[in-house]
Amino acid sequence: MKSVIQTGLALLVLAGCDVAVAGNAVTPTARTAYEDVQWDIKPGGRQLAAVQGDYTKGAHIKLIRFGAGQKTPPHTHSYSYTGVVVKGQARHYEPGKPDTMTILPPGSFWMISANTPHISECLPGEDCVFATQSDGPFDVKRAH
C-alpha cells in the first residue's frame, strides 16, 4: 500500500512539476504521514486534502477520499485533471458511455477533460483514496 501511494504521488508530482517551481523559487521539502493528513469534509461526504498548492485558487495536487460505495451525481469541472487510484477500486466514467466504465484498482490512472460530464465512484468493499493534479482550481458543477 505504501509503495502504491508513493508511486501515485510521484507520478502526479512529475505531471505537475510546474507547480513545484514558481519563477526561481523552489518549494521547500515537506513530508506528511498519511495518518497526519488534514481532510476537508465536503458536501456529499467527500474529503479533500491539499498536497501541493491551494485547490480552491489554482494549480494543485490533492488527495480525495470517498467512502466505500460512494458515487457522485453527473458533474463537470472547469479544468482538466489527472488522477491515480491510491486505495480501493473505482470508476470515473462518462454517463451513457459503457466503454468508459473501466474498474480502476490501486495504481491505475485516468484523465478527465474540462467540462466533460462524468461520475466518480468508489466501488463497495473498501474506502477509496485518489491523488489528483490539475492546472486550475477545483470546482464541481452539476451536469444536466
C-alpha atoms as a PDB file:
ATOM      1  CA  MET A   1       0.000   0.000   0.000  1.00  0.00           C
ATOM      2  CA  LYS A   2       2.772   2.413   0.926  1.00  0.00           C
ATOM      3  CA  SER A   3       4.529   1.861  -2.408  1.00  0.00           C
ATOM      4  CA  VAL A   4       1.271   2.455  -4.334  1.00  0.00           C
ATOM      5  CA  ILE A   5       0.774   5.763  -2.505  1.00  0.00           C
ATOM      6  CA  GLN A   6       4.380   6.802  -3.149  1.00  0.00           C
ATOM      7  CA  THR A   7       4.195   5.796  -6.825  1.00  0.00           C
ATOM      8  CA  GLY A   8       0.888   7.586  -7.364  1.00  0.00           C
ATOM      9  CA  LEU A   9       2.053  10.797  -5.743  1.00  0.00           C
ATOM     10  CA  ALA A  10       5.385  10.657  -7.589  1.00  0.00           C
ATOM     11  CA  LEU A  11       3.562  10.372 -10.920  1.00  0.00           C
ATOM     12  CA  LEU A  12       1.378  13.347 -10.070  1.00  0.00           C
ATOM     13  CA  VAL A  13       4.297  15.447  -8.877  1.00  0.00           C
ATOM     14  CA  LEU A  14       6.084  14.746 -12.153  1.00  0.00           C
ATOM     15  CA  ALA A  15       2.934  15.544 -14.134  1.00  0.00           C
ATOM     16  CA  GLY A  16       2.525  18.828 -12.293  1.00  0.00           C
ATOM     17  CA  CYS A  17       6.188  19.743 -11.895  1.00  0.00           C
ATOM     18  CA  ASP A  18       5.469  23.338 -12.956  1.00  0.00           C
ATOM     19  CA  VAL A  19       3.532  23.652  -9.686  1.00  0.00           C
ATOM     20  CA  ALA A  20       6.681  22.983  -7.646  1.00  0.00           C
ATOM     21  CA  VAL A  21       8.731  25.779  -9.204  1.00  0.00           C
ATOM     22  CA  ALA A  22       7.474  29.366  -9.309  1.00  0.00           C
ATOM     23  CA  GLY A  23       9.988  31.584 -11.072  1.00  0.00           C
ATOM     24  CA  ASN A  24      13.309  30.714  -9.468  1.00  0.00           C
ATOM     25  CA  ALA A  25      11.829  29.837  -6.071  1.00  0.00           C
ATOM     26  CA  VAL A  26      11.646  26.122  -5.328  1.00  0.00           C
ATOM     27  CA  THR A  27       9.128  24.778  -2.831  1.00  0.00           C
ATOM     28  CA  PRO A  28      10.938  23.542   0.310  1.00  0.00           C
ATOM     29  CA  THR A  29      10.845  19.835   1.015  1.00  0.00           C
ATOM     30  CA  ALA A  30       7.954  18.505   3.073  1.00  0.00           C
ATOM     31  CA  ARG A  31       6.651  15.206   4.414  1.00  0.00           C
ATOM     32  CA  THR A  32       3.241  14.284   5.804  1.00  0.00           C
ATOM     33  CA  ALA A  33       2.431  10.812   7.104  1.00  0.00           C
ATOM     34  CA  TYR A  34      -0.950   9.548   5.872  1.00  0.00           C
ATOM     35  CA  GLU A  35      -2.339   9.456   9.423  1.00  0.00           C
ATOM     36  CA  ASP A  36      -1.499  13.192   9.751  1.00  0.00           C
ATOM     37  CA  VAL A  37      -3.285  14.318   6.574  1.00  0.00           C
ATOM     38  CA  GLN A  38      -5.746  17.155   7.279  1.00  0.00           C
ATOM     39  CA  TRP A  39      -9.004  16.350   5.453  1.00  0.00           C
ATOM     40  CA  ASP A  40     -11.613  18.961   4.464  1.00  0.00           C
ATOM     41  CA  ILE A  41     -15.102  17.412   4.545  1.00  0.00           C
ATOM     42  CA  LYS A  42     -17.229  18.469   1.572  1.00  0.00           C
ATOM     43  CA  PRO A  43     -20.962  18.123   0.815  1.00  0.00           C
ATOM     44  CA  GLY A  44     -21.897  14.567  -0.064  1.00  0.00           C
ATOM     45  CA  GLY A  45     -19.227  13.123   2.243  1.00  0.00           C
ATOM     46  CA  ARG A  46     -16.170  13.520   0.010  1.00  0.00           C
ATOM     47  CA  GLN A  47     -12.986  14.546   1.791  1.00  0.00           C
ATOM     48  CA  LEU A  48     -10.183  16.600   0.196  1.00  0.00           C
ATOM     49  CA  ALA A  49      -6.630  17.268   1.355  1.00  0.00           C
ATOM     50  CA  ALA A  50      -4.140  19.625  -0.291  1.00  0.00           C
ATOM     51  CA  VAL A  51      -0.809  18.012  -1.167  1.00  0.00           C
ATOM     52  CA  GLN A  52       0.631  20.967  -3.058  1.00  0.00           C
ATOM     53  CA  GLY A  53      -0.923  24.314  -3.941  1.00  0.00           C
ATOM     54  CA  ASP A  54      -4.364  25.581  -2.944  1.00  0.00           C
ATOM     55  CA  TYR A  55      -7.068  23.591  -4.717  1.00  0.00           C
ATOM     56  CA  THR A  56      -9.532  26.472  -4.261  1.00  0.00           C
ATOM     57  CA  LYS A  57      -7.318  29.002  -6.066  1.00  0.00           C
ATOM     58  CA  GLY A  58      -5.195  27.414  -8.801  1.00  0.00           C
ATOM     59  CA  ALA A  59      -2.870  24.645  -9.893  1.00  0.00           C
ATOM     60  CA  HIS A  60      -2.654  21.902  -7.296  1.00  0.00           C
ATOM     61  CA  ILE A  61      -2.221  18.285  -6.294  1.00  0.00           C
ATOM     62  CA  LYS A  62      -4.730  16.898  -3.802  1.00  0.00           C
ATOM     63  CA  LEU A  63      -5.980  13.703  -2.205  1.00  0.00           C
ATOM     64  CA  ILE A  64      -9.680  12.812  -2.396  1.00  0.00           C
ATOM     65  CA  ARG A  65     -11.262  10.227  -0.110  1.00  0.00           C
ATOM     66  CA  PHE A  66     -14.603   8.514  -0.846  1.00  0.00           C
ATOM     67  CA  GLY A  67     -16.399   6.054   1.391  1.00  0.00           C
ATOM     68  CA  ALA A  68     -16.928   2.521   0.079  1.00  0.00           C
ATOM     69  CA  GLY A  69     -19.893   2.555  -2.308  1.00  0.00           C
ATOM     70  CA  GLN A  70     -19.944   6.356  -2.598  1.00  0.00           C
ATOM     71  CA  LYS A  71     -20.866   7.745  -6.011  1.00  0.00           C
ATOM     72  CA  THR A  72     -21.253  11.296  -7.287  1.00  0.00           C
ATOM     73  CA  PRO A  73     -24.066  12.537  -9.492  1.00  0.00           C
ATOM     74  CA  PRO A  74     -23.014  13.507 -13.036  1.00  0.00           C
ATOM     75  CA  HIS A  75     -20.855  16.633 -12.831  1.00  0.00           C
ATOM     76  CA  THR A  76     -18.124  18.638 -14.572  1.00  0.00           C
ATOM     77  CA  HIS A  77     -15.018  20.624 -13.618  1.00  0.00           C
ATOM     78  CA  SER A  78     -13.726  23.809 -15.268  1.00  0.00           C
ATOM     79  CA  TYR A  79     -10.201  22.381 -15.614  1.00  0.00           C
ATOM     80  CA  SER A  80      -8.929  19.023 -16.861  1.00  0.00           C
ATOM     81  CA  TYR A  81      -7.392  16.755 -14.263  1.00  0.00           C
ATOM     82  CA  THR A  82      -5.371  13.572 -13.967  1.00  0.00           C
ATOM     83  CA  GLY A  83      -5.910  11.074 -11.166  1.00  0.00           C
ATOM     84  CA  VAL A  84      -4.274   7.985  -9.673  1.00  0.00           C
ATOM     85  CA  VAL A  85      -6.114   5.430  -7.536  1.00  0.00           C
ATOM     86  CA  VAL A  86      -4.161   5.055  -4.300  1.00  0.00           C
ATOM     87  CA  LYS A  87      -6.582   2.833  -2.363  1.00  0.00           C
ATOM     88  CA  GLY A  88      -9.773   0.933  -3.187  1.00  0.00           C
ATOM     89  CA  GLN A  89     -11.370   0.214  -6.541  1.00  0.00           C
ATOM     90  CA  ALA A  90     -13.032   2.980  -8.512  1.00  0.00           C
ATOM     91  CA  ARG A  91     -14.632   4.065 -11.743  1.00  0.00           C
ATOM     92  CA  HIS A  92     -14.554   7.570 -13.245  1.00  0.00           C
ATOM     93  CA  TYR A  93     -16.830   7.354 -16.233  1.00  0.00           C
ATOM     94  CA  GLU A  94     -18.986   9.296 -18.666  1.00  0.00           C
ATOM     95  CA  PRO A  95     -22.747   8.615 -18.379  1.00  0.00           C
ATOM     96  CA  GLY A  96     -24.103   6.688 -21.348  1.00  0.00           C
ATOM     97  CA  LYS A  97     -20.645   5.523 -22.463  1.00  0.00           C
ATOM     98  CA  PRO A  98     -20.163   1.955 -21.166  1.00  0.00           C
ATOM     99  CA  ASP A  99     -16.649   1.783 -22.657  1.00  0.00           C
ATOM    100  CA  THR A 100     -15.543   4.382 -20.059  1.00  0.00           C
ATOM    101  CA  MET A 101     -16.714   2.280 -17.061  1.00  0.00           C
ATOM    102  CA  THR A 102     -13.334   0.582 -16.539  1.00  0.00           C
ATOM    103  CA  ILE A 103     -12.733  -0.660 -12.994  1.00  0.00           C
ATOM    104  CA  LEU A 104      -9.581   1.026 -11.691  1.00  0.00           C
ATOM    105  CA  PRO A 105      -7.636  -0.812  -8.934  1.00  0.00           C
ATOM    106  CA  PRO A 106      -4.798   0.863  -6.962  1.00  0.00           C
ATOM    107  CA  GLY A 107      -2.055   2.156  -9.221  1.00  0.00           C
ATOM    108  CA  SER A 108      -4.462   2.823 -12.115  1.00  0.00           C
ATOM    109  CA  PHE A 109      -4.854   6.325 -13.521  1.00  0.00           C
ATOM    110  CA  TRP A 110      -7.360   8.323 -15.554  1.00  0.00           C
ATOM    111  CA  MET A 111      -7.825  11.766 -17.081  1.00  0.00           C
ATOM    112  CA  ILE A 112     -10.998  13.828 -17.410  1.00  0.00           C
ATOM    113  CA  SER A 113     -11.043  16.821 -19.764  1.00  0.00           C
ATOM    114  CA  ALA A 114     -12.521  20.144 -18.659  1.00  0.00           C
ATOM    115  CA  ASN A 115     -16.316  20.365 -18.877  1.00  0.00           C
ATOM    116  CA  THR A 116     -16.754  16.618 -19.545  1.00  0.00           C
ATOM    117  CA  PRO A 117     -19.778  15.243 -17.653  1.00  0.00           C
ATOM    118  CA  HIS A 118     -18.687  12.267 -15.575  1.00  0.00           C
ATOM    119  CA  ILE A 119     -19.447  10.218 -12.465  1.00  0.00           C
ATOM    120  CA  SER A 120     -16.848   9.326  -9.849  1.00  0.00           C
ATOM    121  CA  GLU A 121     -17.488   6.121  -7.915  1.00  0.00           C
ATOM    122  CA  CYS A 122     -15.774   4.141  -5.169  1.00  0.00           C
ATOM    123  CA  LEU A 123     -16.861   0.536  -5.515  1.00  0.00           C
ATOM    124  CA  PRO A 124     -18.209  -1.289  -2.431  1.00  0.00           C
ATOM    125  CA  GLY A 125     -15.830  -3.158  -0.147  1.00  0.00           C
ATOM    126  CA  GLU A 126     -13.217  -0.564   0.782  1.00  0.00           C
ATOM    127  CA  ASP A 127     -12.882   3.214   1.067  1.00  0.00           C
ATOM    128  CA  CYS A 128     -11.075   4.876  -1.844  1.00  0.00           C
ATOM    129  CA  VAL A 129      -8.277   7.442  -1.944  1.00  0.00           C
ATOM    130  CA  PHE A 130      -7.323   9.221  -5.157  1.00  0.00           C
ATOM    131  CA  ALA A 131      -4.443  11.591  -5.860  1.00  0.00           C
ATOM    132  CA  THR A 132      -5.317  14.211  -8.493  1.00  0.00           C
ATOM    133  CA  GLN A 133      -3.477  17.004 -10.281  1.00  0.00           C
ATOM    134  CA  SER A 134      -4.995  19.991 -12.074  1.00  0.00           C
ATOM    135  CA  ASP A 135      -3.667  23.228 -13.547  1.00  0.00           C
ATOM    136  CA  GLY A 136      -6.594  25.238 -12.175  1.00  0.00           C
ATOM    137  CA  PRO A 137      -8.852  25.495  -9.134  1.00  0.00           C
ATOM    138  CA  PHE A 138     -11.108  22.579  -8.244  1.00  0.00           C
ATOM    139  CA  ASP A 139     -14.816  23.199  -8.786  1.00  0.00           C
ATOM    140  CA  VAL A 140     -17.817  20.947  -9.201  1.00  0.00           C
ATOM    141  CA  LYS A 141     -20.802  21.810 -11.392  1.00  0.00           C
ATOM    142  CA  ARG A 142     -23.815  19.508 -11.648  1.00  0.00           C
ATOM    143  CA  ALA A 143     -24.297  18.199 -15.190  1.00  0.00           C
ATOM    144  CA  HIS A 144     -27.808  18.144 -16.576  1.00  0.00           C
END
